[in-house]
Amino acid sequence: MHDRVQEMLFILSNHMTRQDLFDAMDLTNQSRNRAKYLDPLINLGWVSQDYPGEKTNPNQRYKITEAGERILKLLTQ
């Protein structure tokens, strides 16, 4: 798990594209950043996709799930 989980979950309280997410985190929108930061949270069920399984869909957007909200609450206590 990476050290930016709390930041990413907080930012994804707003439904957004990967580009917007990575801009907010001051990261480049590259597949290595997706694999390092976003994919683990999707795999854990803490972040959901509008088009599951379609990483390159131009309309893809991401948001925090209920499970992610519970984790975020634990991290911010």
N, C-alpha and C. Protein backbone atom coordinates (compact mmCIF):
# COMPACT_ATOMS: atom_id res chain seq x y z
N MET A 1 0.85 -1.18 0.00
CA MET A 1 0.00 0.00 0.00
C MET A 1 0.89 1.23 0.00
N HIS A 2 0.47 2.24 -0.70
CA HIS A 2 1.26 3.46 -0.80
C HIS A 2 0.92 4.44 0.32
N ASP A 3 1.73 5.46 0.44
CA ASP A 3 1.59 6.41 1.54
C ASP A 3 0.60 7.54 1.25
N ARG A 4 -0.07 7.50 0.11
CA ARG A 4 -0.99 8.59 -0.25
C ARG A 4 -2.45 8.14 -0.27
N VAL A 5 -2.75 7.06 0.45
CA VAL A 5 -4.10 6.52 0.48
C VAL A 5 -5.09 7.55 0.99
N GLN A 6 -4.78 8.14 2.13
CA GLN A 6 -5.70 9.11 2.74
C GLN A 6 -5.96 10.27 1.79
N GLU A 7 -4.92 10.80 1.20
CA GLU A 7 -5.06 11.92 0.27
C GLU A 7 -5.95 11.54 -0.92
N MET A 8 -5.69 10.37 -1.49
CA MET A 8 -6.45 9.95 -2.66
C MET A 8 -7.92 9.72 -2.31
N LEU A 9 -8.19 9.06 -1.20
CA LEU A 9 -9.58 8.83 -0.80
C LEU A 9 -10.30 10.13 -0.53
N PHE A 10 -9.63 11.07 0.10
CA PHE A 10 -10.24 12.38 0.38
C PHE A 10 -10.58 13.09 -0.93
N ILE A 11 -9.65 13.11 -1.86
CA ILE A 11 -9.88 13.79 -3.15
C ILE A 11 -11.03 13.12 -3.90
N LEU A 12 -11.11 11.80 -3.82
CA LEU A 12 -12.15 11.08 -4.56
C LEU A 12 -13.52 11.14 -3.89
N SER A 13 -13.65 11.96 -2.85
CA SER A 13 -14.99 12.24 -2.32
C SER A 13 -15.80 12.95 -3.40
N ASN A 14 -15.09 13.54 -4.36
CA ASN A 14 -15.70 14.14 -5.54
C ASN A 14 -15.47 13.19 -6.71
N HIS A 15 -16.50 12.90 -7.45
CA HIS A 15 -16.46 12.02 -8.61
C HIS A 15 -15.62 12.70 -9.70
N MET A 16 -14.54 12.06 -10.17
CA MET A 16 -13.65 12.74 -11.11
C MET A 16 -12.90 11.80 -12.03
N THR A 17 -12.30 12.39 -13.06
CA THR A 17 -11.48 11.63 -13.99
C THR A 17 -10.11 11.36 -13.37
N ARG A 18 -9.39 10.43 -13.97
CA ARG A 18 -8.04 10.13 -13.50
C ARG A 18 -7.14 11.35 -13.67
N GLN A 19 -7.29 12.06 -14.78
CA GLN A 19 -6.48 13.26 -15.01
C GLN A 19 -6.70 14.28 -13.90
N ASP A 20 -7.95 14.53 -13.55
CA ASP A 20 -8.26 15.49 -12.48
C ASP A 20 -7.72 15.02 -11.13
N LEU A 21 -7.84 13.73 -10.87
CA LEU A 21 -7.32 13.16 -9.63
C LEU A 21 -5.81 13.36 -9.53
N PHE A 22 -5.10 12.98 -10.57
CA PHE A 22 -3.64 13.09 -10.54
C PHE A 22 -3.19 14.55 -10.55
N ASP A 23 -3.93 15.42 -11.20
CA ASP A 23 -3.61 16.85 -11.12
C ASP A 23 -3.72 17.33 -9.68
N ALA A 24 -4.78 16.92 -8.99
CA ALA A 24 -4.98 17.33 -7.60
C ALA A 24 -3.89 16.78 -6.69
N MET A 25 -3.32 15.62 -7.06
CA MET A 25 -2.26 15.01 -6.26
C MET A 25 -0.87 15.44 -6.73
N ASP A 26 -0.82 16.28 -7.75
CA ASP A 26 0.44 16.74 -8.33
C ASP A 26 1.26 15.56 -8.88
N LEU A 27 0.57 14.65 -9.58
CA LEU A 27 1.19 13.51 -10.23
C LEU A 27 0.91 13.58 -11.73
N THR A 28 1.75 12.94 -12.53
CA THR A 28 1.48 12.87 -13.96
C THR A 28 0.50 11.74 -14.23
N ASN A 29 -0.29 11.88 -15.27
CA ASN A 29 -1.30 10.89 -15.63
C ASN A 29 -0.65 9.81 -16.49
N GLN A 30 0.13 8.97 -15.85
CA GLN A 30 0.83 7.89 -16.55
C GLN A 30 0.38 6.55 -15.99
N SER A 31 0.53 5.51 -16.81
CA SER A 31 0.07 4.18 -16.38
C SER A 31 0.82 3.69 -15.14
N ARG A 32 2.07 4.09 -14.96
CA ARG A 32 2.80 3.65 -13.77
C ARG A 32 2.20 4.27 -12.50
N ASN A 33 1.74 5.51 -12.58
CA ASN A 33 1.09 6.13 -11.42
C ASN A 33 -0.28 5.49 -11.18
N ARG A 34 -0.99 5.16 -12.26
CA ARG A 34 -2.27 4.46 -12.10
C ARG A 34 -2.04 3.12 -11.40
N ALA A 35 -1.03 2.37 -11.84
CA ALA A 35 -0.75 1.05 -11.27
C ALA A 35 -0.30 1.16 -9.81
N LYS A 36 0.44 2.21 -9.48
CA LYS A 36 0.96 2.36 -8.12
C LYS A 36 -0.07 2.92 -7.14
N TYR A 37 -0.84 3.91 -7.58
CA TYR A 37 -1.71 4.63 -6.66
C TYR A 37 -3.20 4.26 -6.77
N LEU A 38 -3.71 4.15 -7.97
CA LEU A 38 -5.15 3.98 -8.14
C LEU A 38 -5.59 2.52 -8.15
N ASP A 39 -4.90 1.69 -8.91
CA ASP A 39 -5.31 0.29 -9.03
C ASP A 39 -5.40 -0.45 -7.70
N PRO A 40 -4.46 -0.28 -6.77
CA PRO A 40 -4.60 -0.99 -5.49
C PRO A 40 -5.88 -0.63 -4.73
N LEU A 41 -6.29 0.62 -4.80
CA LEU A 41 -7.51 1.03 -4.09
C LEU A 41 -8.76 0.49 -4.79
N ILE A 42 -8.71 0.38 -6.11
CA ILE A 42 -9.81 -0.23 -6.85
C ILE A 42 -9.90 -1.71 -6.48
N ASN A 43 -8.76 -2.38 -6.46
CA ASN A 43 -8.73 -3.82 -6.15
C ASN A 43 -9.22 -4.11 -4.74
N LEU A 44 -8.99 -3.19 -3.80
CA LEU A 44 -9.47 -3.35 -2.44
C LEU A 44 -10.95 -3.00 -2.28
N GLY A 45 -11.53 -2.39 -3.30
CA GLY A 45 -12.93 -1.99 -3.23
C GLY A 45 -13.14 -0.65 -2.54
N TRP A 46 -12.09 0.13 -2.40
CA TRP A 46 -12.20 1.44 -1.74
C TRP A 46 -12.50 2.55 -2.74
N VAL A 47 -12.28 2.28 -4.02
CA VAL A 47 -12.56 3.23 -5.10
C VAL A 47 -13.31 2.47 -6.19
N SER A 48 -14.32 3.10 -6.77
CA SER A 48 -15.08 2.46 -7.84
C SER A 48 -14.89 3.23 -9.15
N GLN A 49 -15.18 2.53 -10.23
CA GLN A 49 -15.08 3.10 -11.57
C GLN A 49 -16.47 3.14 -12.19
N ASP A 50 -16.71 4.12 -13.07
CA ASP A 50 -17.97 4.14 -13.81
C ASP A 50 -18.03 3.00 -14.81
N TYR A 51 -16.89 2.64 -15.39
CA TYR A 51 -16.80 1.57 -16.38
C TYR A 51 -15.78 0.54 -15.91
N PRO A 52 -16.18 -0.35 -14.99
CA PRO A 52 -15.23 -1.31 -14.43
C PRO A 52 -14.53 -2.13 -15.51
N GLY A 53 -13.24 -2.31 -15.32
CA GLY A 53 -12.46 -3.11 -16.25
C GLY A 53 -12.01 -2.38 -17.51
N GLU A 54 -12.44 -1.15 -17.69
CA GLU A 54 -12.07 -0.37 -18.87
C GLU A 54 -11.17 0.79 -18.44
N LYS A 55 -9.89 0.52 -18.29
CA LYS A 55 -8.96 1.53 -17.81
C LYS A 55 -8.77 2.68 -18.81
N THR A 56 -9.01 2.42 -20.10
CA THR A 56 -8.75 3.45 -21.10
C THR A 56 -10.01 4.12 -21.65
N ASN A 57 -11.16 3.87 -21.05
CA ASN A 57 -12.39 4.51 -21.50
C ASN A 57 -12.28 6.01 -21.27
N PRO A 58 -12.49 6.83 -22.32
CA PRO A 58 -12.33 8.28 -22.17
C PRO A 58 -13.35 8.92 -21.22
N ASN A 59 -14.43 8.21 -20.93
CA ASN A 59 -15.45 8.73 -20.01
C ASN A 59 -15.30 8.18 -18.60
N GLN A 60 -14.23 7.43 -18.35
CA GLN A 60 -14.02 6.80 -17.05
C GLN A 60 -13.89 7.86 -15.95
N ARG A 61 -14.60 7.63 -14.87
CA ARG A 61 -14.52 8.49 -13.70
C ARG A 61 -14.44 7.60 -12.47
N TYR A 62 -13.91 8.15 -11.40
CA TYR A 62 -13.65 7.39 -10.18
C TYR A 62 -14.28 8.10 -8.99
N LYS A 63 -14.63 7.30 -7.97
CA LYS A 63 -15.17 7.87 -6.74
C LYS A 63 -14.91 6.90 -5.60
N ILE A 64 -14.93 7.45 -4.40
CA ILE A 64 -14.74 6.64 -3.20
C ILE A 64 -15.99 5.80 -2.96
N THR A 65 -15.80 4.58 -2.46
CA THR A 65 -16.92 3.69 -2.13
C THR A 65 -17.25 3.84 -0.65
N GLU A 66 -18.31 3.17 -0.21
CA GLU A 66 -18.65 3.18 1.22
C GLU A 66 -17.51 2.59 2.04
N ALA A 67 -16.91 1.51 1.54
CA ALA A 67 -15.77 0.90 2.25
C ALA A 67 -14.62 1.90 2.32
N GLY A 68 -14.37 2.61 1.24
CA GLY A 68 -13.32 3.62 1.23
C GLY A 68 -13.62 4.75 2.21
N GLU A 69 -14.89 5.12 2.32
CA GLU A 69 -15.27 6.16 3.28
C GLU A 69 -15.00 5.71 4.71
N ARG A 70 -15.25 4.43 5.00
CA ARG A 70 -14.98 3.91 6.34
C ARG A 70 -13.47 3.93 6.63
N ILE A 71 -12.66 3.54 5.64
CA ILE A 71 -11.21 3.57 5.81
C ILE A 71 -10.74 4.99 6.01
N LEU A 72 -11.25 5.91 5.20
CA LEU A 72 -10.86 7.32 5.33
C LEU A 72 -11.20 7.84 6.73
N LYS A 73 -12.35 7.47 7.23
CA LYS A 73 -12.74 7.90 8.58
C LYS A 73 -11.74 7.37 9.62
N LEU A 74 -11.35 6.11 9.48
CA LEU A 74 -10.37 5.53 10.41
C LEU A 74 -9.01 6.24 10.31
N LEU A 75 -8.62 6.58 9.09
CA LEU A 75 -7.33 7.24 8.88
C LEU A 75 -7.28 8.66 9.41
N THR A 76 -8.43 9.31 9.48
CA THR A 76 -8.47 10.71 9.90
C THR A 76 -8.77 10.89 11.37
N GLN A 77 -8.93 9.80 12.10
CA GLN A 77 -9.22 9.91 13.54
C GLN A 77 -7.96 10.16 14.32
